[in-house]
Amino acid sequence: MIAQTAVAPARQRLPPRSVVSTITTEGGSAVNVIPARPRAAIEMRSPSLDGLRVIQRRVHACLEAGALATGCALELTPVGNDFADLRQDTSLSALYRDAMISRGREVEVTAAAVA
């Protein structure tokens, strides 16, 4: 999909520790033919709700560009819920780290949230 190709370079400009994953779930049955109804699933994650909104706007613009370039209509169906800012529990993280160390494992606990 042209839209997915546009998303790839957009990933380079995402907020720190943000993730965009895409998969084509329906892409036609012949090469070199624009399918009648292509479908994709896109997952977007960010440690903050503000970061998620940035990602959503950029990905939406990529999808619109793909539809425009191919003369197709764009239909979006949001699935799931947006989550509030990720705040890691430092006490719980310390307990986890200590439990893993007691079992001979090394664990790196950082203050930075990861989506």
Protein backbone atom coordinates (compact mmCIF):
# COMPACT_ATOMS: atom_id res chain seq x y z
CA MET A 1 0.00 0.00 0.00
CA ILE A 2 1.24 3.45 -0.87
CA ALA A 3 0.00 4.74 2.49
CA GLN A 4 2.15 2.21 4.36
CA THR A 5 5.14 3.28 2.30
CA ALA A 6 4.48 6.87 3.40
CA VAL A 7 4.30 5.80 7.06
CA ALA A 8 7.83 4.33 6.95
CA PRO A 9 9.74 7.65 6.68
CA ALA A 10 7.23 9.32 9.01
CA ARG A 11 8.49 6.96 11.74
CA GLN A 12 11.78 8.87 11.69
CA ARG A 13 10.01 11.96 13.04
CA LEU A 14 7.99 10.36 15.82
CA PRO A 15 8.17 11.55 19.41
CA PRO A 16 10.81 9.64 21.44
CA ARG A 17 9.95 6.05 22.41
CA SER A 18 6.88 6.01 20.16
CA VAL A 19 5.94 3.10 17.91
CA VAL A 20 3.89 2.68 14.73
CA SER A 21 3.31 -0.84 13.42
CA THR A 22 1.39 -1.68 10.24
CA ILE A 23 0.21 -4.85 8.56
CA THR A 24 -1.72 -5.37 5.34
CA THR A 25 -4.71 -7.54 6.19
CA GLU A 26 -6.27 -7.53 2.72
CA GLY A 27 -4.26 -6.53 -0.33
CA GLY A 28 -5.81 -7.92 -3.46
CA SER A 29 -5.08 -11.03 -5.48
CA ALA A 30 -2.88 -9.84 -8.36
CA VAL A 31 0.37 -7.93 -8.69
CA ASN A 32 0.48 -4.46 -10.22
CA VAL A 33 -3.25 -3.91 -9.61
CA ILE A 34 -4.77 -1.56 -7.05
CA PRO A 35 -7.14 -3.78 -5.07
CA ALA A 36 -10.80 -2.83 -4.86
CA ARG A 37 -10.73 -2.75 -1.06
CA PRO A 38 -7.30 -2.92 0.57
CA ARG A 39 -7.22 -3.09 4.34
CA ALA A 40 -4.53 -2.57 6.91
CA ALA A 41 -4.23 -2.61 10.67
CA ILE A 42 -2.14 0.08 12.30
CA GLU A 43 -1.07 0.20 15.93
CA MET A 44 0.26 3.44 17.40
CA ARG A 45 1.85 3.75 20.84
CA SER A 46 3.50 6.58 22.74
CA PRO A 47 4.39 7.12 26.39
CA SER A 48 2.21 10.27 26.43
CA LEU A 49 -1.24 11.11 25.14
CA ASP A 50 0.19 14.26 23.50
CA GLY A 51 2.74 12.10 21.68
CA LEU A 52 -0.01 9.73 20.57
CA ARG A 53 -1.98 12.63 19.10
CA VAL A 54 1.10 13.67 17.09
CA ILE A 55 1.46 10.13 15.76
CA GLN A 56 -2.23 9.89 14.91
CA ARG A 57 -2.12 13.14 12.90
CA ARG A 58 0.99 12.08 10.97
CA VAL A 59 -0.28 8.58 10.21
CA HIS A 60 -3.67 9.95 9.18
CA ALA A 61 -1.93 12.37 6.78
CA CYS A 62 0.03 9.44 5.28
CA LEU A 63 -3.16 7.45 4.79
CA GLU A 64 -4.89 10.42 3.17
CA ALA A 65 -1.90 10.89 0.85
CA GLY A 66 -2.07 7.24 -0.19
CA ALA A 67 -5.78 7.50 -0.93
CA LEU A 68 -5.28 10.72 -2.89
CA ALA A 69 -2.38 9.25 -4.90
CA THR A 70 -4.43 6.23 -5.95
CA GLY A 71 -7.78 7.97 -6.40
CA CYS A 72 -9.35 5.94 -3.62
CA ALA A 73 -11.56 6.80 -0.69
CA LEU A 74 -10.21 6.46 2.84
CA GLU A 75 -12.29 4.83 5.56
CA LEU A 76 -10.88 4.64 9.08
CA THR A 77 -12.31 2.43 11.81
CA PRO A 78 -10.73 3.14 15.20
CA VAL A 79 -10.41 0.05 17.40
CA GLY A 80 -9.76 0.08 21.11
CA ASN A 81 -9.13 3.04 23.38
CA ASP A 82 -6.43 5.65 23.72
CA PHE A 83 -4.56 5.35 27.00
CA ALA A 84 -3.46 8.18 29.26
CA ASP A 85 0.20 8.98 29.85
CA LEU A 86 2.34 6.04 30.94
CA ARG A 87 3.68 6.54 34.42
CA GLN A 88 5.85 3.73 35.66
CA ASP A 89 5.56 2.73 39.29
CA THR A 90 9.10 3.06 40.64
CA SER A 91 8.34 1.02 43.78
CA LEU A 92 6.90 -1.85 41.76
CA SER A 93 9.82 -1.63 39.32
CA ALA A 94 12.29 -1.87 42.21
CA LEU A 95 10.50 -4.93 43.63
CA TYR A 96 10.57 -6.58 40.20
CA ARG A 97 14.27 -5.77 39.77
CA ASP A 98 15.11 -7.18 43.22
CA ALA A 99 13.12 -10.36 42.56
CA MET A 100 14.87 -10.91 39.23
CA ILE A 101 18.31 -10.23 40.73
CA SER A 102 17.59 -12.78 43.48
CA ARG A 103 17.05 -15.31 40.68
CA GLY A 104 20.36 -14.49 39.03
CA ARG A 105 19.00 -12.20 36.30
CA GLU A 106 20.23 -8.74 35.43
CA VAL A 107 17.57 -6.08 35.01
CA GLU A 108 18.00 -2.51 33.87
CA VAL A 109 15.35 -0.18 35.24
CA THR A 110 15.25 3.27 33.66
CA ALA A 111 13.18 6.32 34.47
CA ALA A 112 12.20 6.81 30.82
CA ALA A 113 8.79 5.48 29.87
CA VAL A 114 8.68 3.08 26.94
CA ALA A 115 5.57 2.70 24.80
